[in-house]
Amino acid sequence: MGIKTEKEYEVHYYEVNYKLECKISSIINYFCDIGTFQSESLGVGIDYLTERRLAWVFYRYDINIKRYPKFGEKIKVVTKAKSFKKFYASREYEIYDENNEKIVDGEGIFLLINIDKRRAVRIPDDQYTAYGVELDEKSDIKIEKLEKLQEVTNKNFFKVRYGDIDSNMHVNNVRYVEWAVESLPLEIVLNYELKDLSVVFEKECKYGAEIIASYELREDNDELIVLHKIENDEGTELSILKSRWIKLKN
């Protein structure tokens, strides 16, 4: 297991929803920030990658939420590289509250690419060294497929704005999650709580594109399973997601 890095945060007002609880997009932003912070502190950050014409791109997120951090709460976010496998890297995330109780955990799977050719490249040995991952360590990365929706319940349409674009000139990965949640009926967001989320990023998307967010809803007592699909107006699938929601108690 790789080097562990942790960082403390305070939950700001702009990071919470109407219940003053952290939004799922804010949790993903914490994950992105702590990962970048670790890479920079280990000397293999943005400048290091840019010089070598390399970039880590998100392939998948799996997130489980025991409890959402609240406005004003101080939290500790922890990350470490779990393992590398050819072109893929697995990173572990955890969020702890002030009582040192784990309230969120997640895993991110990344793909290392050459930014000129837009092709995957094998992870070089110096990355193993930097992140403290053994070269001969047996990888436990499992690239499992997400179930795709069969029957579309509803569609919502979005347009990629300038503010959706990241430093690579592509849509920030958090936006796909926001589009998926935004496409759901308000009564779900108000009466249910998102507990588990899996996201697979398949294709990149650029400024000005027309986006279609659709979903399929499956209800089981007080639980909802939602299969999501994000595609462009040409029908190209950009991302698929699966979310699990638990009905809130009155």
C-alpha atoms as a PDB file:
ATOM      1  CA  MET A   1       0.000   0.000   0.000  1.00  0.00           C
ATOM      2  CA  GLY A   2       1.273   3.443  -0.910  1.00  0.00           C
ATOM      3  CA  ILE A   3       2.165   6.613   0.970  1.00  0.00           C
ATOM      4  CA  LYS A   4      -0.688   8.120   2.978  1.00  0.00           C
ATOM      5  CA  THR A   5      -1.469  11.838   2.800  1.00  0.00           C
ATOM      6  CA  GLU A   6      -4.083  13.701   4.832  1.00  0.00           C
ATOM      7  CA  LYS A   7      -5.438  17.231   4.887  1.00  0.00           C
ATOM      8  CA  GLU A   8      -7.958  19.070   7.034  1.00  0.00           C
ATOM      9  CA  TYR A   9     -10.874  21.006   5.580  1.00  0.00           C
ATOM     10  CA  GLU A  10     -13.744  23.067   6.915  1.00  0.00           C
ATOM     11  CA  VAL A  11     -17.073  22.634   5.129  1.00  0.00           C
ATOM     12  CA  HIS A  12     -18.009  25.993   3.605  1.00  0.00           C
ATOM     13  CA  TYR A  13     -21.495  27.329   2.953  1.00  0.00           C
ATOM     14  CA  TYR A  14     -21.032  27.132  -0.817  1.00  0.00           C
ATOM     15  CA  GLU A  15     -20.276  23.401  -0.513  1.00  0.00           C
ATOM     16  CA  VAL A  16     -23.577  22.407   1.092  1.00  0.00           C
ATOM     17  CA  ASN A  17     -27.175  21.868   0.001  1.00  0.00           C
ATOM     18  CA  TYR A  18     -30.477  23.117   1.419  1.00  0.00           C
ATOM     19  CA  LYS A  19     -30.040  20.786   4.442  1.00  0.00           C
ATOM     20  CA  LEU A  20     -26.612  22.356   5.106  1.00  0.00           C
ATOM     21  CA  GLU A  21     -25.049  18.996   4.278  1.00  0.00           C
ATOM     22  CA  CYS A  22     -22.091  18.554   1.960  1.00  0.00           C
ATOM     23  CA  LYS A  23     -23.076  17.974  -1.672  1.00  0.00           C
ATOM     24  CA  ILE A  24     -21.805  14.868  -3.447  1.00  0.00           C
ATOM     25  CA  SER A  25     -19.984  17.158  -5.884  1.00  0.00           C
ATOM     26  CA  SER A  26     -18.169  18.789  -2.952  1.00  0.00           C
ATOM     27  CA  ILE A  27     -17.074  15.375  -1.664  1.00  0.00           C
ATOM     28  CA  ILE A  28     -15.623  14.534  -5.087  1.00  0.00           C
ATOM     29  CA  ASN A  29     -13.878  17.905  -5.124  1.00  0.00           C
ATOM     30  CA  TYR A  30     -12.249  17.026  -1.778  1.00  0.00           C
ATOM     31  CA  PHE A  31     -11.041  13.775  -3.334  1.00  0.00           C
ATOM     32  CA  CYS A  32      -9.648  15.617  -6.352  1.00  0.00           C
ATOM     33  CA  ASP A  33      -7.945  18.196  -4.166  1.00  0.00           C
ATOM     34  CA  ILE A  34      -6.282  15.753  -1.775  1.00  0.00           C
ATOM     35  CA  GLY A  35      -5.047  13.649  -4.712  1.00  0.00           C
ATOM     36  CA  THR A  36      -3.534  16.694  -6.408  1.00  0.00           C
ATOM     37  CA  PHE A  37      -2.093  17.867  -3.075  1.00  0.00           C
ATOM     38  CA  GLN A  38      -0.384  14.515  -2.573  1.00  0.00           C
ATOM     39  CA  SER A  39       1.053  14.423  -6.099  1.00  0.00           C
ATOM     40  CA  GLU A  40       2.440  17.946  -5.735  1.00  0.00           C
ATOM     41  CA  SER A  41       3.931  17.199  -2.313  1.00  0.00           C
ATOM     42  CA  LEU A  42       5.627  14.062  -3.686  1.00  0.00           C
ATOM     43  CA  GLY A  43       7.139  15.975  -6.593  1.00  0.00           C
ATOM     44  CA  VAL A  44       5.082  14.279  -9.318  1.00  0.00           C
ATOM     45  CA  GLY A  45       2.374  16.911  -9.768  1.00  0.00           C
ATOM     46  CA  ILE A  46       1.129  18.950 -12.683  1.00  0.00           C
ATOM     47  CA  ASP A  47       4.490  20.394 -13.797  1.00  0.00           C
ATOM     48  CA  TYR A  48       6.172  16.995 -13.603  1.00  0.00           C
ATOM     49  CA  LEU A  49       3.467  15.400 -15.762  1.00  0.00           C
ATOM     50  CA  THR A  50       3.247  18.285 -18.240  1.00  0.00           C
ATOM     51  CA  GLU A  51       6.987  18.163 -18.898  1.00  0.00           C
ATOM     52  CA  ARG A  52       6.635  14.489 -19.792  1.00  0.00           C
ATOM     53  CA  ARG A  53       3.430  15.056 -21.807  1.00  0.00           C
ATOM     54  CA  LEU A  54       1.494  12.828 -19.417  1.00  0.00           C
ATOM     55  CA  ALA A  55      -1.811  13.176 -17.576  1.00  0.00           C
ATOM     56  CA  TRP A  56      -3.862  11.109 -15.176  1.00  0.00           C
ATOM     57  CA  VAL A  57      -7.481  10.905 -16.299  1.00  0.00           C
ATOM     58  CA  PHE A  58     -10.391   9.624 -14.258  1.00  0.00           C
ATOM     59  CA  TYR A  59     -11.773   6.276 -15.308  1.00  0.00           C
ATOM     60  CA  ARG A  60     -14.020   5.373 -12.388  1.00  0.00           C
ATOM     61  CA  TYR A  61     -15.222   6.454  -8.955  1.00  0.00           C
ATOM     62  CA  ASP A  62     -16.935   4.325  -6.292  1.00  0.00           C
ATOM     63  CA  ILE A  63     -18.147   6.263  -3.254  1.00  0.00           C
ATOM     64  CA  ASN A  64     -19.972   5.142  -0.097  1.00  0.00           C
ATOM     65  CA  ILE A  65     -21.415   7.709   2.271  1.00  0.00           C
ATOM     66  CA  LYS A  66     -22.167   6.777   5.858  1.00  0.00           C
ATOM     67  CA  ARG A  67     -22.878  10.383   6.833  1.00  0.00           C
ATOM     68  CA  TYR A  68     -22.573  13.690   5.016  1.00  0.00           C
ATOM     69  CA  PRO A  69     -20.346  16.363   6.581  1.00  0.00           C
ATOM     70  CA  LYS A  70     -22.279  19.453   7.647  1.00  0.00           C
ATOM     71  CA  PHE A  71     -21.736  23.178   7.217  1.00  0.00           C
ATOM     72  CA  GLY A  72     -18.951  24.425   9.497  1.00  0.00           C
ATOM     73  CA  GLU A  73     -17.754  20.937  10.363  1.00  0.00           C
ATOM     74  CA  LYS A  74     -14.029  20.253  10.326  1.00  0.00           C
ATOM     75  CA  ILE A  75     -13.113  17.071   8.503  1.00  0.00           C
ATOM     76  CA  LYS A  76      -9.960  15.145   7.639  1.00  0.00           C
ATOM     77  CA  VAL A  77      -9.548  13.738   4.150  1.00  0.00           C
ATOM     78  CA  VAL A  78      -7.049  10.909   3.675  1.00  0.00           C
ATOM     79  CA  THR A  79      -5.739   9.305   0.492  1.00  0.00           C
ATOM     80  CA  LYS A  80      -3.156   6.750  -0.593  1.00  0.00           C
ATOM     81  CA  ALA A  81      -2.267   4.895  -3.749  1.00  0.00           C
ATOM     82  CA  LYS A  82      -3.543   1.313  -3.459  1.00  0.00           C
ATOM     83  CA  SER A  83      -1.949  -0.296  -6.492  1.00  0.00           C
ATOM     84  CA  PHE A  84      -0.860   0.128 -10.102  1.00  0.00           C
ATOM     85  CA  LYS A  85      -1.592  -2.223 -12.984  1.00  0.00           C
ATOM     86  CA  LYS A  86      -0.122  -1.514 -16.420  1.00  0.00           C
ATOM     87  CA  PHE A  87      -1.938   1.716 -17.427  1.00  0.00           C
ATOM     88  CA  TYR A  88      -4.246   1.909 -14.402  1.00  0.00           C
ATOM     89  CA  ALA A  89      -3.817   3.268 -10.888  1.00  0.00           C
ATOM     90  CA  SER A  90      -6.108   2.814  -7.916  1.00  0.00           C
ATOM     91  CA  ARG A  91      -6.386   5.448  -5.186  1.00  0.00           C
ATOM     92  CA  GLU A  92      -8.187   5.096  -1.847  1.00  0.00           C
ATOM     93  CA  TYR A  93     -10.047   7.960  -0.143  1.00  0.00           C
ATOM     94  CA  GLU A  94     -11.476   8.364   3.362  1.00  0.00           C
ATOM     95  CA  ILE A  95     -13.168  11.226   5.190  1.00  0.00           C
ATOM     96  CA  TYR A  96     -13.155  11.395   8.990  1.00  0.00           C
ATOM     97  CA  ASP A  97     -15.098  13.664  11.324  1.00  0.00           C
ATOM     98  CA  GLU A  98     -13.761  15.460  14.416  1.00  0.00           C
ATOM     99  CA  ASN A  99     -14.293  12.280  16.473  1.00  0.00           C
ATOM    100  CA  ASN A 100     -12.029  10.437  14.021  1.00  0.00           C
ATOM    101  CA  GLU A 101     -14.995   8.390  12.815  1.00  0.00           C
ATOM    102  CA  LYS A 102     -14.925   7.449   9.144  1.00  0.00           C
ATOM    103  CA  ILE A 103     -17.982   8.923   7.445  1.00  0.00           C
ATOM    104  CA  VAL A 104     -17.126   8.570   3.738  1.00  0.00           C
ATOM    105  CA  ASP A 105     -14.909   6.208   1.801  1.00  0.00           C
ATOM    106  CA  GLY A 106     -14.191   5.818  -1.865  1.00  0.00           C
ATOM    107  CA  GLU A 107     -11.904   4.499  -4.544  1.00  0.00           C
ATOM    108  CA  GLY A 108     -10.778   6.168  -7.741  1.00  0.00           C
ATOM    109  CA  ILE A 109      -9.316   4.395 -10.752  1.00  0.00           C
ATOM    110  CA  PHE A 110      -7.181   6.469 -13.105  1.00  0.00           C
ATOM    111  CA  LEU A 111      -5.640   5.960 -16.509  1.00  0.00           C
ATOM    112  CA  LEU A 112      -2.238   7.411 -17.416  1.00  0.00           C
ATOM    113  CA  ILE A 113      -2.243   8.854 -20.942  1.00  0.00           C
ATOM    114  CA  ASN A 114       0.060  10.641 -23.339  1.00  0.00           C
ATOM    115  CA  ILE A 115      -1.644  14.011 -23.805  1.00  0.00           C
ATOM    116  CA  ASP A 116      -0.431  14.447 -27.385  1.00  0.00           C
ATOM    117  CA  LYS A 117      -1.529  11.055 -28.677  1.00  0.00           C
ATOM    118  CA  ARG A 118      -4.485  10.728 -26.242  1.00  0.00           C
ATOM    119  CA  ARG A 119      -3.436   7.140 -25.680  1.00  0.00           C
ATOM    120  CA  ALA A 120      -2.838   5.108 -22.541  1.00  0.00           C
ATOM    121  CA  VAL A 121       0.785   4.569 -21.547  1.00  0.00           C
ATOM    122  CA  ARG A 122       2.332   2.124 -19.104  1.00  0.00           C
ATOM    123  CA  ILE A 123       2.977   3.642 -15.684  1.00  0.00           C
ATOM    124  CA  PRO A 124       6.749   4.328 -15.382  1.00  0.00           C
ATOM    125  CA  ASP A 125       8.815   2.956 -12.506  1.00  0.00           C
ATOM    126  CA  ASP A 126       9.401   6.400 -10.986  1.00  0.00           C
ATOM    127  CA  GLN A 127       5.663   6.698 -10.303  1.00  0.00           C
ATOM    128  CA  TYR A 128       5.788   3.494  -8.259  1.00  0.00           C
ATOM    129  CA  THR A 129       8.689   4.927  -6.283  1.00  0.00           C
ATOM    130  CA  ALA A 130       7.064   8.332  -5.745  1.00  0.00           C
ATOM    131  CA  TYR A 131       3.785   6.913  -4.433  1.00  0.00           C
ATOM    132  CA  GLY A 132       5.380   4.120  -2.429  1.00  0.00           C
ATOM    133  CA  VAL A 133       3.850   1.289  -4.454  1.00  0.00           C
ATOM    134  CA  GLU A 134       5.970  -1.857  -4.757  1.00  0.00           C
ATOM    135  CA  LEU A 135       6.884  -2.794  -8.320  1.00  0.00           C
ATOM    136  CA  ASP A 136       6.235  -6.459  -7.667  1.00  0.00           C
ATOM    137  CA  GLU A 137       3.088  -5.904  -5.610  1.00  0.00           C
ATOM    138  CA  LYS A 138       0.185  -7.969  -6.878  1.00  0.00           C
ATOM    139  CA  SER A 139      -2.476  -5.579  -8.133  1.00  0.00           C
ATOM    140  CA  ASP A 140      -6.012  -5.785  -6.766  1.00  0.00           C
ATOM    141  CA  ILE A 141      -7.478  -3.378  -9.328  1.00  0.00           C
ATOM    142  CA  LYS A 142     -10.747  -4.795 -10.622  1.00  0.00           C
ATOM    143  CA  ILE A 143     -12.157  -3.089 -13.700  1.00  0.00           C
ATOM    144  CA  GLU A 144     -15.785  -4.123 -13.308  1.00  0.00           C
ATOM    145  CA  LYS A 145     -18.459  -3.026 -15.745  1.00  0.00           C
ATOM    146  CA  LEU A 146     -21.415  -0.978 -14.600  1.00  0.00           C
ATOM    147  CA  GLU A 147     -24.912  -2.065 -15.502  1.00  0.00           C
ATOM    148  CA  LYS A 148     -26.379   0.101 -18.245  1.00  0.00           C
ATOM    149  CA  LEU A 149     -29.937   1.366 -18.300  1.00  0.00           C
ATOM    150  CA  GLN A 150     -32.412  -0.493 -20.510  1.00  0.00           C
ATOM    151  CA  GLU A 151     -35.485   1.726 -20.337  1.00  0.00           C
ATOM    152  CA  VAL A 152     -35.132   5.502 -20.234  1.00  0.00           C
ATOM    153  CA  THR A 153     -37.439   7.065 -17.630  1.00  0.00           C
ATOM    154  CA  ASN A 154     -36.641  10.682 -18.444  1.00  0.00           C
ATOM    155  CA  LYS A 155     -34.183  12.917 -20.299  1.00  0.00           C
ATOM    156  CA  ASN A 156     -32.723  16.297 -19.430  1.00  0.00           C
ATOM    157  CA  PHE A 157     -30.674  18.519 -21.709  1.00  0.00           C
ATOM    158  CA  PHE A 158     -27.624  20.597 -20.806  1.00  0.00           C
ATOM    159  CA  LYS A 159     -25.035  22.639 -22.676  1.00  0.00           C
ATOM    160  CA  VAL A 160     -21.357  22.604 -21.739  1.00  0.00           C
ATOM    161  CA  ARG A 161     -20.436  26.056 -20.451  1.00  0.00           C
ATOM    162  CA  TYR A 162     -17.061  27.693 -20.046  1.00  0.00           C
ATOM    163  CA  GLY A 163     -17.272  27.120 -16.263  1.00  0.00           C
ATOM    164  CA  ASP A 164     -17.577  23.354 -16.847  1.00  0.00           C
ATOM    165  CA  ILE A 165     -14.106  23.141 -18.402  1.00  0.00           C
ATOM    166  CA  ASP A 166     -10.996  22.070 -16.481  1.00  0.00           C
ATOM    167  CA  SER A 167      -7.279  22.730 -17.065  1.00  0.00           C
ATOM    168  CA  ASN A 168      -7.180  20.039 -19.775  1.00  0.00           C
ATOM    169  CA  MET A 169      -9.874  21.927 -21.741  1.00  0.00           C
ATOM    170  CA  HIS A 170     -12.366  19.114 -21.178  1.00  0.00           C
ATOM    171  CA  VAL A 171     -15.431  18.896 -18.972  1.00  0.00           C
ATOM    172  CA  ASN A 172     -14.550  18.559 -15.282  1.00  0.00           C
ATOM    173  CA  ASN A 173     -15.463  15.061 -14.045  1.00  0.00           C
ATOM    174  CA  VAL A 174     -17.646  16.479 -11.269  1.00  0.00           C
ATOM    175  CA  ARG A 175     -20.023  17.923 -13.879  1.00  0.00           C
ATOM    176  CA  TYR A 176     -21.122  14.462 -15.027  1.00  0.00           C
ATOM    177  CA  VAL A 177     -22.270  13.686 -11.487  1.00  0.00           C
ATOM    178  CA  GLU A 178     -24.051  17.037 -11.218  1.00  0.00           C
ATOM    179  CA  TRP A 179     -25.856  16.456 -14.520  1.00  0.00           C
ATOM    180  CA  ALA A 180     -26.943  12.988 -13.363  1.00  0.00           C
ATOM    181  CA  VAL A 181     -28.345  14.292 -10.055  1.00  0.00           C
ATOM    182  CA  GLU A 182     -29.881  17.360 -11.717  1.00  0.00           C
ATOM    183  CA  SER A 183     -31.805  15.132 -14.131  1.00  0.00           C
ATOM    184  CA  LEU A 184     -33.710  13.428 -11.272  1.00  0.00           C
ATOM    185  CA  PRO A 185     -37.144  14.629 -10.089  1.00  0.00           C
ATOM    186  CA  LEU A 186     -36.982  17.074  -7.193  1.00  0.00           C
ATOM    187  CA  GLU A 187     -39.043  14.760  -4.960  1.00  0.00           C
ATOM    188  CA  ILE A 188     -36.239  12.182  -5.056  1.00  0.00           C
ATOM    189  CA  VAL A 189     -33.585  14.691  -4.038  1.00  0.00           C
ATOM    190  CA  LEU A 190     -35.822  16.056  -1.264  1.00  0.00           C
ATOM    191  CA  ASN A 191     -37.075  12.732   0.128  1.00  0.00           C
ATOM    192  CA  TYR A 192     -34.123  10.420  -0.409  1.00  0.00           C
ATOM    193  CA  GLU A 193     -30.434  10.494   0.480  1.00  0.00           C
ATOM    194  CA  LEU A 194     -27.695   9.389  -1.895  1.00  0.00           C
ATOM    195  CA  LYS A 195     -25.674   6.646  -0.202  1.00  0.00           C
ATOM    196  CA  ASP A 196     -23.634   4.925  -2.912  1.00  0.00           C
ATOM    197  CA  LEU A 197     -22.382   6.208  -6.235  1.00  0.00           C
ATOM    198  CA  SER A 198     -20.394   4.545  -9.004  1.00  0.00           C
ATOM    199  CA  VAL A 199     -19.276   6.524 -12.047  1.00  0.00           C
ATOM    200  CA  VAL A 200     -17.464   5.369 -15.177  1.00  0.00           C
ATOM    201  CA  PHE A 201     -16.036   8.017 -17.491  1.00  0.00           C
ATOM    202  CA  GLU A 202     -15.919   6.791 -21.082  1.00  0.00           C
ATOM    203  CA  LYS A 203     -15.381   9.730 -23.437  1.00  0.00           C
ATOM    204  CA  GLU A 204     -14.166  13.295 -23.103  1.00  0.00           C
ATOM    205  CA  CYS A 205     -16.420  16.247 -23.724  1.00  0.00           C
ATOM    206  CA  LYS A 206     -15.554  19.797 -24.735  1.00  0.00           C
ATOM    207  CA  TYR A 207     -16.953  23.308 -24.542  1.00  0.00           C
ATOM    208  CA  GLY A 208     -20.208  23.962 -26.408  1.00  0.00           C
ATOM    209  CA  ALA A 209     -21.377  20.352 -26.612  1.00  0.00           C
ATOM    210  CA  GLU A 210     -25.053  19.501 -26.106  1.00  0.00           C
ATOM    211  CA  ILE A 211     -25.511  16.979 -23.292  1.00  0.00           C
ATOM    212  CA  ILE A 212     -28.367  14.546 -22.670  1.00  0.00           C
ATOM    213  CA  ALA A 213     -28.718  13.068 -19.163  1.00  0.00           C
ATOM    214  CA  SER A 214     -31.149  10.154 -18.908  1.00  0.00           C
ATOM    215  CA  TYR A 215     -31.943   7.628 -16.192  1.00  0.00           C
ATOM    216  CA  GLU A 216     -33.796   4.437 -15.321  1.00  0.00           C
ATOM    217  CA  LEU A 217     -35.445   4.151 -11.905  1.00  0.00           C
ATOM    218  CA  ARG A 218     -35.851   0.955  -9.874  1.00  0.00           C
ATOM    219  CA  GLU A 219     -37.751   1.087  -6.600  1.00  0.00           C
ATOM    220  CA  ASP A 220     -37.419  -1.453  -3.785  1.00  0.00           C
ATOM    221  CA  ASN A 221     -39.315  -0.509  -0.608  1.00  0.00           C
ATOM    222  CA  ASP A 222     -37.437   2.455   0.897  1.00  0.00           C
ATOM    223  CA  GLU A 223     -34.549   2.214  -1.556  1.00  0.00           C
ATOM    224  CA  LEU A 224     -34.044   3.515  -5.066  1.00  0.00           C
ATOM    225  CA  ILE A 225     -31.490   2.253  -7.555  1.00  0.00           C
ATOM    226  CA  VAL A 226     -30.931   4.668 -10.418  1.00  0.00           C
ATOM    227  CA  LEU A 227     -28.996   3.894 -13.592  1.00  0.00           C
ATOM    228  CA  HIS A 228     -27.787   7.032 -15.368  1.00  0.00           C
ATOM    229  CA  LYS A 229     -26.376   7.769 -18.801  1.00  0.00           C
ATOM    230  CA  ILE A 230     -24.689  10.923 -20.033  1.00  0.00           C
ATOM    231  CA  GLU A 231     -24.356  11.275 -23.806  1.00  0.00           C
ATOM    232  CA  ASN A 232     -23.858  14.014 -26.363  1.00  0.00           C
ATOM    233  CA  ASP A 233     -26.350  15.039 -29.040  1.00  0.00           C
ATOM    234  CA  GLU A 234     -24.663  12.682 -31.512  1.00  0.00           C
ATOM    235  CA  GLY A 235     -25.530   9.717 -29.296  1.00  0.00           C
ATOM    236  CA  THR A 236     -21.961   9.126 -28.071  1.00  0.00           C
ATOM    237  CA  GLU A 237     -21.992   7.735 -24.526  1.00  0.00           C
ATOM    238  CA  LEU A 238     -19.781   9.876 -22.298  1.00  0.00           C
ATOM    239  CA  SER A 239     -20.421   8.449 -18.842  1.00  0.00           C
ATOM    240  CA  ILE A 240     -22.568   5.902 -17.042  1.00  0.00           C
ATOM    241  CA  LEU A 241     -23.447   6.029 -13.369  1.00  0.00           C
ATOM    242  CA  LYS A 242     -25.259   3.959 -10.768  1.00  0.00           C
ATOM    243  CA  SER A 243     -26.644   5.532  -7.600  1.00  0.00           C
ATOM    244  CA  ARG A 244     -28.378   4.117  -4.528  1.00  0.00           C
ATOM    245  CA  TRP A 245     -30.778   6.305  -2.546  1.00  0.00           C
ATOM    246  CA  ILE A 246     -32.371   5.619   0.869  1.00  0.00           C
ATOM    247  CA  LYS A 247     -35.715   7.167   1.827  1.00  0.00           C
ATOM    248  CA  LEU A 248     -35.393   9.759   4.579  1.00  0.00           C
ATOM    249  CA  LYS A 249     -37.318   9.204   7.791  1.00  0.00           C
ATOM    250  CA  ASN A 250     -39.792  11.929   8.691  1.00  0.00           C
END
